[in-house]
Protein backbone atom coordinates (compact mmCIF):
# COMPACT_ATOMS: atom_id res chain seq x y z
CA UNK A 1 0.00 0.00 0.00
CA UNK A 2 1.51 3.31 -1.06
CA UNK A 3 0.34 6.65 0.13
CA UNK A 4 0.59 9.54 -2.23
CA UNK A 5 2.24 12.56 -0.67
CA UNK A 6 0.81 16.00 -1.35
CA UNK A 7 2.63 18.10 -3.93
CA UNK A 8 2.73 21.80 -4.72
CA UNK A 9 3.12 23.68 -7.99
CA UNK A 10 4.16 27.31 -7.89
CA UNK A 11 3.27 29.19 -11.05
CA UNK A 12 4.07 31.57 -12.49
CA UNK A 13 7.58 31.75 -11.08
CA UNK A 14 9.58 34.67 -12.45
CA UNK A 15 12.95 33.98 -14.07
CA UNK A 16 14.97 35.85 -11.43
CA UNK A 17 13.51 33.87 -8.54
CA UNK A 18 13.98 30.61 -10.43
CA UNK A 19 17.60 31.41 -11.30
CA UNK A 20 18.41 32.36 -7.68
CA UNK A 21 16.74 29.19 -6.39
CA UNK A 22 18.67 27.12 -8.93
CA UNK A 23 21.98 28.74 -7.93
CA UNK A 24 21.26 28.18 -4.25
CA UNK A 25 20.38 24.53 -4.87
CA UNK A 26 23.55 23.98 -6.91
CA UNK A 27 25.71 25.53 -4.18
CA UNK A 28 24.16 23.17 -1.63
CA UNK A 29 24.33 20.09 -3.88
CA UNK A 30 20.55 19.68 -3.94
CA UNK A 31 17.86 19.63 -6.58
CA UNK A 32 15.69 22.70 -7.03
CA UNK A 33 12.77 20.78 -5.52
CA UNK A 34 14.80 19.74 -2.46
CA UNK A 35 16.00 23.31 -1.94
CA UNK A 36 12.48 24.75 -2.27
CA UNK A 37 11.17 22.17 0.22
CA UNK A 38 13.91 23.03 2.73
CA UNK A 39 13.18 26.74 2.37
CA UNK A 40 9.47 26.11 3.04
CA UNK A 41 10.24 23.85 6.00
CA UNK A 42 12.63 26.45 7.42
CA UNK A 43 10.04 29.23 7.05
CA UNK A 44 7.40 27.09 8.76
CA UNK A 45 9.74 25.70 11.43
CA UNK A 46 9.08 22.10 10.41
CA UNK A 47 12.43 21.20 8.84
CA UNK A 48 15.16 18.97 10.24
CA UNK A 49 16.99 22.09 11.45
CA UNK A 50 16.38 25.69 10.53
CA UNK A 51 18.63 26.73 7.63
CA UNK A 52 19.31 30.27 8.77
CA UNK A 53 19.68 29.79 12.52
CA UNK A 54 23.20 28.41 12.64
CA UNK A 55 24.84 30.48 9.93
CA UNK A 56 27.81 32.74 10.36
CA UNK A 57 25.58 35.82 10.18
CA UNK A 58 23.56 34.63 13.17
CA UNK A 59 26.69 33.89 15.20
CA UNK A 60 28.13 37.33 14.42
CA UNK A 61 24.82 38.95 15.35
CA UNK A 62 24.69 37.04 18.65
CA UNK A 63 28.29 38.00 19.45
CA UNK A 64 27.76 41.73 18.97
CA UNK A 65 24.28 41.72 20.52
CA UNK A 66 25.86 41.04 23.93
CA UNK A 67 27.69 44.39 23.57
CA UNK A 68 24.58 46.30 22.55
CA UNK A 69 24.94 45.78 18.81
CA UNK A 70 26.73 47.84 16.21
CA UNK A 71 25.37 50.69 14.11
CA UNK A 72 26.90 50.80 10.67
CA UNK A 73 26.86 53.74 8.29
CA UNK A 74 25.77 52.16 5.04
CA UNK A 75 26.78 53.78 1.77
CA UNK A 76 24.07 55.27 -0.43
CA UNK A 77 23.21 52.62 -3.01
CA UNK A 78 21.38 55.10 -5.22
CA UNK A 79 18.62 53.94 -7.51
CA UNK A 80 18.83 50.16 -7.77
CA UNK A 81 15.95 49.76 -10.22
CA UNK A 82 18.19 49.77 -13.33
CA UNK A 83 20.51 47.17 -11.75
CA UNK A 84 17.56 45.00 -10.71
CA UNK A 85 16.07 45.20 -14.20
CA UNK A 86 19.42 44.20 -15.72
CA UNK A 87 19.75 41.30 -13.27
CA UNK A 88 16.24 40.11 -14.14
CA UNK A 89 17.09 40.27 -17.86
CA UNK A 90 20.27 38.26 -17.25
CA UNK A 91 18.30 35.68 -15.23
CA UNK A 92 15.83 35.32 -18.11
CA UNK A 93 18.69 34.88 -20.58
CA UNK A 94 20.33 32.37 -18.25
CA UNK A 95 17.17 30.27 -18.03
CA UNK A 96 16.78 30.37 -21.82
CA UNK A 97 20.46 29.47 -22.37
CA UNK A 98 21.34 32.73 -24.21
CA UNK A 99 23.21 34.43 -21.39
CA UNK A 100 26.94 34.35 -22.25
CA UNK A 101 27.51 37.79 -23.81
CA UNK A 102 25.20 39.67 -21.46
CA UNK A 103 26.86 38.07 -18.44
CA UNK A 104 30.30 39.22 -19.60
CA UNK A 105 29.00 42.79 -19.94
CA UNK A 106 27.37 42.60 -16.52
CA UNK A 107 30.55 41.31 -14.87
CA UNK A 108 32.63 44.04 -16.53
CA UNK A 109 30.19 46.67 -15.24
CA UNK A 110 30.35 45.19 -11.75
CA UNK A 111 34.15 45.28 -11.80
CA UNK A 112 34.16 48.95 -12.87
CA UNK A 113 31.76 49.78 -10.02
CA UNK A 114 34.10 48.08 -7.51
CA UNK A 115 37.04 50.28 -8.53
CA UNK A 116 37.71 53.20 -6.18
CA UNK A 117 36.72 56.55 -7.58
CA UNK A 118 39.69 58.76 -8.51
CA UNK A 119 40.26 61.61 -6.12
CA UNK A 120 39.84 65.07 -7.59
């Protein structure tokens, strides 16, 4: 006697979300379905162990929390909409398999942005 387990289909799933989920799954050595299930279980507190509770970020936060925390001055990121649109376009190209040239352009732009601005 086999019992059929419930399943879930999420549609429509935008290309950016799918590409990020795929990358996360690949980094963890899991399938996209396994990664999505673990994310849901973590969000609902039903997983084997919460994914985000034992990470380095949580340990750093706990360490500095005992001293009252730290306030950081974050740099102005400006308008991110153009960058987000470009990232979404790259994700769509990645999913379709036509992403090579656009990715090279994106990476070159990112490298230029990382360079310190010349002093005047």
